[in-house]
Amino acid sequence: MRRINRVHEKGLPIFDVEDVVTLLAHKREEAFEGERAVRLFQFRTWILFPDSDEGRATKCAELITAAKFLDRAEENYFWDKDSARYKFLDPAEENYFWDEESARLDREDKPTGVNFTHKPPQTLKRIDMLRKDNNAYREIYDRLIGRRGGLLALLDAASPAGFDRAIQLRISQMHIIPDLIDYRLRYIQHGRGNPKVTAHPNGANHNHALFFCWWPTHGVQSSRGRTSPNKSVSPKTMRKWWQTFEESALFIYLIHKHGFRQLPMDTDGGSFIDNLLRESNDTREILQFFGAYAYLVETFMKAHSDLFYVSVPVSIARIPILTPPFSKAELETISQYDKHYLEMTG
């Protein structure tokens, strides 16, 4: 198997995948407040954009999350009722924070005392106050935005809404990947040494998986320019998307086939950071996800597979993934490989 260490964009390292796994599994401390949440979103984005030409996606994920964290840190800094009145840079700015409706809500002890829909201008004096007094603000800016080139780096990032659209498009294109992995795992678990399964020394390889997914519906007719909903996509299309998602295929398999909630959430909303922080602290889900992934890696490694993998700390308990044996119809499909596999090139 082929080990993955770092994600690059244009030859430059974006992040260390194995270090991120260690961080997300709570096997090391955060280097700065919010690091685990930032890296979780970046890692989930990488799962959808593992191909080398899309290293930009993981960088955009980092920049968008960092900008959202800075905005949240600013709101938290000026949220306290006392500081909301005394942390203004000059009296004129109070109008941006405290209108009559906000004052009324404050008198009624509602938790919305500051009206953040009227934020003051981002002056250097204001930013300097945050930089001096708010360590989280300073660390996130320096480590995530400053090191990427400062404010100019944000110009290269997609808008949150545009980023979310790109994520949804990728999700719609990955459906064939879990089926290909599922066949290979099932063949390892149920095919080898099973007299009911047509013996083949390479029965668990990629080409056999393509055939298994393609053959049952290859004869279904489609209208011109449109594939029938009951027909598998062509082997050519399978190969195209496999090449795109190959490095993260085992993660995609677990998300689709076993219900792990590890796809990127929408960024274009007010609850993005709160949701991300909550999920980054869901240790149980994360440890189960990486434990199941480690089990898959070790299972395929014993079968001398050519898949890509990320190393998972041995301290994380391995969680077995169970699959059903092949049905009679599936066994028939497997038996047709030697006679018909060359038809996949047509």
Protein backbone atom coordinates (compact mmCIF):
# COMPACT_ATOMS: atom_id res chain seq x y z
CA MET A 1 0.00 0.00 0.00
CA ARG A 2 1.05 3.60 -0.59
CA ARG A 3 1.38 5.91 2.40
CA ILE A 4 0.18 9.55 2.37
CA ASN A 5 2.05 12.10 4.46
CA ARG A 6 1.36 15.63 3.27
CA VAL A 7 -1.11 17.48 1.08
CA HIS A 8 0.49 19.90 -1.39
CA GLU A 9 -0.59 22.69 -3.66
CA LYS A 10 1.76 23.59 -6.52
CA GLY A 11 4.53 21.71 -4.75
CA LEU A 12 4.08 23.54 -1.45
CA PRO A 13 2.88 21.66 1.66
CA ILE A 14 -0.60 22.62 2.88
CA PHE A 15 -0.88 20.31 5.88
CA ASP A 16 0.48 17.05 7.28
CA VAL A 17 -2.30 14.46 7.06
CA GLU A 18 -0.90 12.10 9.67
CA ASP A 19 -0.32 14.92 12.15
CA VAL A 20 -3.92 16.05 11.61
CA VAL A 21 -5.17 12.52 12.34
CA THR A 22 -3.17 12.54 15.58
CA LEU A 23 -4.61 15.93 16.52
CA LEU A 24 -8.22 15.03 15.68
CA ALA A 25 -7.94 11.80 17.67
CA HIS A 26 -6.92 13.91 20.70
CA LYS A 27 -3.48 12.28 20.78
CA ARG A 28 -1.74 15.65 20.93
CA GLU A 29 -2.70 19.06 22.27
CA GLU A 30 -3.78 21.97 20.11
CA ALA A 31 -0.97 24.31 19.06
CA PHE A 32 -3.47 27.19 19.31
CA GLU A 33 -7.06 27.64 20.38
CA GLY A 34 -9.40 26.31 17.70
CA GLU A 35 -6.75 24.30 15.84
CA ARG A 36 -8.66 21.03 16.14
CA ALA A 37 -11.80 22.54 14.62
CA VAL A 38 -9.87 24.19 11.78
CA ARG A 39 -8.02 20.99 10.93
CA LEU A 40 -11.20 18.91 11.12
CA PHE A 41 -12.82 21.04 8.44
CA GLN A 42 -9.66 21.05 6.39
CA PHE A 43 -9.36 17.27 6.69
CA ARG A 44 -12.99 16.71 5.67
CA THR A 45 -12.40 18.94 2.66
CA TRP A 46 -9.32 16.93 1.73
CA ILE A 47 -11.42 13.75 1.74
CA LEU A 48 -13.45 15.27 -1.12
CA PHE A 49 -10.48 16.89 -2.87
CA PRO A 50 -7.56 14.49 -2.46
CA ASP A 51 -6.30 14.82 -6.04
CA SER A 52 -3.11 16.84 -6.27
CA ASP A 53 -4.61 19.47 -8.58
CA GLU A 54 -7.16 20.35 -5.91
CA GLY A 55 -4.76 21.18 -3.06
CA ARG A 56 -6.24 24.67 -3.32
CA ALA A 57 -9.50 23.37 -1.85
CA THR A 58 -7.87 22.43 1.45
CA LYS A 59 -6.14 25.81 1.59
CA CYS A 60 -9.46 27.58 0.96
CA ALA A 61 -11.03 25.51 3.74
CA GLU A 62 -8.31 26.72 6.11
CA LEU A 63 -8.68 30.38 5.11
CA ILE A 64 -12.49 30.40 5.27
CA THR A 65 -12.50 28.72 8.67
CA ALA A 66 -9.80 31.08 9.96
CA ALA A 67 -11.75 34.15 8.80
CA LYS A 68 -14.91 32.84 10.44
CA PHE A 69 -12.98 32.20 13.67
CA LEU A 70 -11.62 35.75 13.66
CA ASP A 71 -15.10 37.15 13.21
CA ARG A 72 -16.37 35.01 16.09
CA ALA A 73 -13.41 35.99 18.31
CA GLU A 74 -14.22 39.65 17.67
CA GLU A 75 -17.85 39.18 18.63
CA ASN A 76 -16.91 37.31 21.80
CA TYR A 77 -14.43 40.02 22.73
CA PHE A 78 -17.06 42.76 22.58
CA TRP A 79 -19.93 40.66 23.90
CA ASP A 80 -19.56 41.12 27.63
CA LYS A 81 -22.11 43.69 28.90
CA ASP A 82 -19.50 45.77 30.68
CA SER A 83 -16.89 45.60 27.96
CA ALA A 84 -19.53 46.27 25.33
CA ARG A 85 -19.80 49.76 26.78
CA TYR A 86 -16.15 50.38 27.67
CA LYS A 87 -14.18 48.73 24.87
CA PHE A 88 -15.19 51.21 22.20
CA LEU A 89 -12.29 52.97 20.56
CA ASP A 90 -14.15 56.28 20.69
CA PRO A 91 -17.65 57.34 21.79
CA ALA A 92 -18.91 57.69 18.22
CA GLU A 93 -18.57 53.96 17.66
CA GLU A 94 -21.16 53.15 20.30
CA ASN A 95 -23.89 53.68 17.73
CA TYR A 96 -22.61 50.65 15.84
CA PHE A 97 -23.11 48.44 18.87
CA TRP A 98 -25.83 49.81 21.01
CA ASP A 99 -29.12 50.98 19.57
CA GLU A 100 -32.40 51.48 21.42
CA GLU A 101 -33.63 47.96 20.63
CA SER A 102 -30.42 46.42 21.94
CA ALA A 103 -30.68 48.49 25.11
CA ARG A 104 -34.27 47.37 25.63
CA LEU A 105 -33.29 43.71 25.24
CA ASP A 106 -30.44 44.21 27.67
CA ARG A 107 -32.80 45.66 30.25
CA GLU A 108 -34.95 42.55 29.87
CA ASP A 109 -31.86 40.36 30.41
CA LYS A 110 -31.97 38.90 26.94
CA PRO A 111 -28.66 37.41 25.69
CA THR A 112 -28.56 39.65 22.63
CA GLY A 113 -27.37 42.87 24.19
CA VAL A 114 -24.99 43.83 21.36
CA ASN A 115 -26.31 44.36 17.85
CA PHE A 116 -23.63 42.77 15.66
CA THR A 117 -25.50 43.54 12.48
CA HIS A 118 -24.06 47.06 12.88
CA LYS A 119 -20.35 46.40 13.32
CA PRO A 120 -17.96 49.35 13.38
CA PRO A 121 -15.31 49.77 10.66
CA GLN A 122 -12.33 47.44 10.94
CA THR A 123 -9.84 50.17 11.76
CA LEU A 124 -6.22 49.38 12.59
CA LYS A 125 -6.78 50.67 16.14
CA ARG A 126 -9.62 48.21 16.57
CA ILE A 127 -7.64 45.30 15.13
CA ASP A 128 -4.64 46.23 17.28
CA MET A 129 -6.85 46.07 20.38
CA LEU A 130 -7.92 42.55 19.44
CA ARG A 131 -4.35 41.55 18.62
CA LYS A 132 -3.06 42.72 22.02
CA ASP A 133 -5.90 41.50 24.22
CA ASN A 134 -7.17 38.37 22.45
CA ASN A 135 -4.65 35.57 22.13
CA ALA A 136 -6.96 33.37 20.01
CA TYR A 137 -7.41 36.18 17.49
CA ARG A 138 -3.67 36.75 17.24
CA GLU A 139 -2.73 33.08 16.95
CA ILE A 140 -5.32 32.25 14.28
CA TYR A 141 -4.39 35.25 12.17
CA ASP A 142 -0.63 34.66 12.41
CA ARG A 143 -0.71 30.88 11.93
CA LEU A 144 -3.44 30.54 9.31
CA ILE A 145 -3.78 33.80 7.41
CA GLY A 146 -0.46 35.55 7.97
CA ARG A 147 1.60 32.54 6.89
CA ARG A 148 -0.44 32.24 3.67
CA GLY A 149 0.35 35.81 2.64
CA GLY A 150 -1.93 37.89 4.86
CA LEU A 151 -5.08 39.57 3.65
CA LEU A 152 -4.14 39.04 0.00
CA ALA A 153 -4.48 35.29 0.58
CA LEU A 154 -8.19 35.76 1.25
CA LEU A 155 -8.61 37.15 -2.26
CA ASP A 156 -7.60 33.74 -3.60
CA ALA A 157 -10.15 31.90 -1.49
CA ALA A 158 -13.66 31.07 -2.68
CA SER A 159 -16.62 32.78 -1.05
CA PRO A 160 -18.37 30.61 1.58
CA ALA A 161 -21.38 30.16 -0.72
CA GLY A 162 -19.17 29.26 -3.68
CA PHE A 163 -17.15 26.88 -1.54
CA ASP A 164 -20.32 25.14 -0.35
CA ARG A 165 -21.47 24.66 -3.97
CA ALA A 166 -18.13 23.08 -4.87
CA ILE A 167 -18.47 20.70 -1.90
CA GLN A 168 -21.95 19.60 -2.96
CA LEU A 169 -20.77 18.99 -6.51
CA ARG A 170 -17.95 16.77 -5.30
CA ILE A 171 -20.31 14.82 -3.04
CA SER A 172 -22.54 14.10 -6.05
CA GLN A 173 -19.56 12.67 -7.96
CA MET A 174 -18.21 10.21 -5.39
CA HIS A 175 -21.02 7.64 -5.24
CA ILE A 176 -19.16 4.94 -7.21
CA ILE A 177 -16.11 4.94 -4.89
CA PRO A 178 -17.71 3.18 -1.87
CA ASP A 179 -19.10 0.42 -4.13
CA LEU A 180 -15.64 -0.31 -5.53
CA ILE A 181 -14.11 -0.51 -2.05
CA ASP A 182 -17.04 -2.56 -0.77
CA TYR A 183 -16.49 -5.26 -3.37
CA ARG A 184 -12.76 -5.47 -2.63
CA LEU A 185 -13.31 -5.75 1.11
CA ARG A 186 -16.03 -8.37 0.68
CA TYR A 187 -13.80 -10.41 -1.60
CA ILE A 188 -11.03 -10.39 1.00
CA GLN A 189 -13.44 -11.36 3.78
CA HIS A 190 -15.62 -13.86 1.91
CA GLY A 191 -14.06 -14.73 -1.42
CA ARG A 192 -10.67 -16.20 -0.72
CA GLY A 193 -10.82 -19.89 0.07
CA ASN A 194 -14.56 -19.98 -0.52
CA PRO A 195 -15.42 -22.81 -2.93
CA LYS A 196 -18.56 -20.92 -4.01
CA VAL A 197 -16.49 -18.01 -5.34
CA THR A 198 -14.66 -18.36 -8.64
CA ALA A 199 -11.02 -18.45 -7.59
CA HIS A 200 -8.75 -15.77 -8.99
CA PRO A 201 -5.37 -14.68 -7.57
CA ASN A 202 -6.22 -11.02 -8.17
CA GLY A 203 -9.90 -11.24 -7.37
CA ALA A 204 -9.75 -8.34 -4.90
CA ASN A 205 -8.03 -5.87 -7.22
CA HIS A 206 -9.37 -2.70 -8.80
CA ASN A 207 -10.16 -4.17 -12.22
CA HIS A 208 -12.29 -6.92 -10.68
CA ALA A 209 -14.14 -4.28 -8.65
CA LEU A 210 -14.86 -2.26 -11.79
CA PHE A 211 -16.24 -5.34 -13.50
CA PHE A 212 -18.35 -6.32 -10.49
CA CYS A 213 -20.03 -2.89 -10.41
CA TRP A 214 -20.42 -2.61 -14.18
CA TRP A 215 -21.43 -6.06 -15.45
CA PRO A 216 -24.90 -6.60 -13.85
CA THR A 217 -26.44 -3.63 -15.69
CA HIS A 218 -24.14 -3.27 -18.69
CA GLY A 219 -26.88 -4.42 -21.03
CA VAL A 220 -29.45 -1.85 -19.88
CA GLN A 221 -30.21 0.55 -22.73
CA SER A 222 -29.82 4.29 -22.19
CA SER A 223 -31.14 7.19 -24.20
CA ARG A 224 -28.67 9.29 -26.15
CA GLY A 225 -26.59 11.47 -23.84
CA ARG A 226 -28.24 10.21 -20.67
CA THR A 227 -27.49 7.13 -18.53
CA SER A 228 -30.50 5.15 -17.33
CA PRO A 229 -30.98 5.45 -13.53
CA ASN A 230 -30.90 1.63 -13.37
CA LYS A 231 -27.59 1.39 -15.21
CA SER A 232 -24.10 1.65 -13.78
CA VAL A 233 -21.85 4.38 -15.11
CA SER A 234 -19.31 3.27 -17.68
CA PRO A 235 -15.93 1.81 -16.68
CA LYS A 236 -14.35 4.92 -18.23
CA THR A 237 -16.33 7.16 -15.85
CA MET A 238 -15.51 4.88 -12.91
CA ARG A 239 -11.81 5.12 -13.71
CA LYS A 240 -12.02 8.90 -14.01
CA TRP A 241 -13.57 9.36 -10.56
CA TRP A 242 -11.43 6.66 -9.00
CA GLN A 243 -8.36 8.56 -10.11
CA THR A 244 -9.80 11.68 -8.46
CA PHE A 245 -10.78 10.11 -5.13
CA GLU A 246 -8.29 7.25 -4.88
CA GLU A 247 -6.21 8.68 -2.04
CA SER A 248 -9.21 9.10 0.28
CA ALA A 249 -11.26 6.14 -0.97
CA LEU A 250 -11.27 4.27 2.35
CA PHE A 251 -12.56 7.33 4.20
CA ILE A 252 -15.29 7.81 1.59
CA TYR A 253 -16.28 4.16 1.96
CA LEU A 254 -16.78 4.56 5.72
CA ILE A 255 -18.81 7.74 5.30
CA HIS A 256 -21.15 6.27 2.68
CA LYS A 257 -21.44 2.67 3.76
CA HIS A 258 -21.17 2.91 7.54
CA GLY A 259 -22.79 6.21 8.45
CA PHE A 260 -19.86 8.24 9.75
CA ARG A 261 -20.68 11.96 9.69
CA GLN A 262 -17.43 13.31 8.32
CA LEU A 263 -18.41 15.37 5.29
CA PRO A 264 -17.84 19.15 5.35
CA MET A 265 -20.74 21.20 6.69
CA ASP A 266 -21.96 24.39 5.03
CA THR A 267 -19.77 27.40 5.77
CA ASP A 268 -22.23 30.06 4.68
CA GLY A 269 -24.16 30.35 7.92
CA GLY A 270 -23.97 31.90 11.36
CA SER A 271 -23.63 28.60 13.25
CA PHE A 272 -20.69 27.22 11.26
CA ILE A 273 -18.01 27.74 13.90
CA ASP A 274 -20.19 26.61 16.81
CA ASN A 275 -21.12 23.40 14.97
CA LEU A 276 -17.52 22.78 13.97
CA LEU A 277 -16.27 23.21 17.54
CA ARG A 278 -18.92 20.82 18.82
CA GLU A 279 -18.08 18.14 16.25
CA SER A 280 -14.32 18.52 16.75
CA ASN A 281 -14.89 17.69 20.42
CA ASP A 282 -16.98 14.60 19.64
CA THR A 283 -14.16 12.26 20.59
CA ARG A 284 -16.29 9.14 20.37
CA GLU A 285 -17.25 9.68 16.72
CA ILE A 286 -13.72 10.62 15.68
CA LEU A 287 -12.06 7.69 17.45
CA GLN A 288 -14.55 5.24 15.96
CA PHE A 289 -13.99 6.73 12.51
CA PHE A 290 -10.22 6.39 12.68
CA GLY A 291 -10.44 3.02 14.42
CA ALA A 292 -12.58 1.65 11.59
CA TYR A 293 -10.27 3.23 9.03
CA ALA A 294 -7.21 1.63 10.66
CA TYR A 295 -8.95 -1.76 10.51
CA LEU A 296 -9.54 -1.32 6.78
CA VAL A 297 -5.93 -0.29 6.19
CA GLU A 298 -4.58 -3.31 8.01
CA THR A 299 -7.03 -5.65 6.26
CA PHE A 300 -6.05 -4.42 2.80
CA MET A 301 -2.39 -4.36 3.75
CA LYS A 302 -2.50 -8.07 4.62
CA ALA A 303 -4.03 -8.67 1.19
CA HIS A 304 -1.12 -6.79 -0.45
CA SER A 305 -3.42 -4.12 -1.83
CA ASP A 306 -2.21 -1.12 -3.83
CA LEU A 307 -4.52 1.37 -2.07
CA PHE A 308 -3.36 4.64 -0.51
CA TYR A 309 -3.50 4.98 3.27
CA VAL A 310 -2.87 7.34 6.17
CA SER A 311 -1.15 5.94 9.24
CA VAL A 312 -3.30 5.87 12.39
CA PRO A 313 -1.72 5.78 15.88
CA VAL A 314 -1.63 2.26 17.33
CA SER A 315 -3.17 3.60 20.53
CA ILE A 316 -6.52 3.98 18.72
CA ALA A 317 -8.59 0.82 19.09
CA ARG A 318 -9.28 -0.95 15.80
CA ILE A 319 -12.96 -1.40 14.99
CA PRO A 320 -13.80 -4.35 12.69
CA ILE A 321 -15.98 -3.67 9.67
CA LEU A 322 -18.28 -6.56 8.82
CA THR A 323 -19.66 -7.16 5.34
CA PRO A 324 -22.23 -9.65 3.99
CA PRO A 325 -21.19 -12.64 1.87
CA PHE A 326 -21.88 -12.56 -1.86
CA SER A 327 -25.36 -13.45 -3.03
CA LYS A 328 -26.01 -16.03 -5.73
CA ALA A 329 -26.42 -13.31 -8.36
CA GLU A 330 -23.19 -11.63 -7.25
CA LEU A 331 -21.32 -14.93 -7.43
CA GLU A 332 -22.55 -15.29 -11.00
CA THR A 333 -21.19 -11.83 -11.83
CA ILE A 334 -17.80 -12.74 -10.38
CA SER A 335 -17.72 -15.92 -12.48
CA GLN A 336 -18.12 -13.91 -15.70
CA TYR A 337 -14.94 -11.88 -15.26
CA ASP A 338 -12.51 -14.01 -17.28
CA LYS A 339 -14.88 -14.25 -20.25
CA HIS A 340 -15.95 -10.63 -20.42
CA TYR A 341 -13.51 -8.27 -18.67
CA LEU A 342 -12.07 -7.08 -22.01
CA GLU A 343 -15.48 -5.66 -22.87
CA MET A 344 -14.89 -2.92 -20.30
CA THR A 345 -12.44 -1.32 -22.74
CA GLY A 346 -15.07 -1.03 -25.48
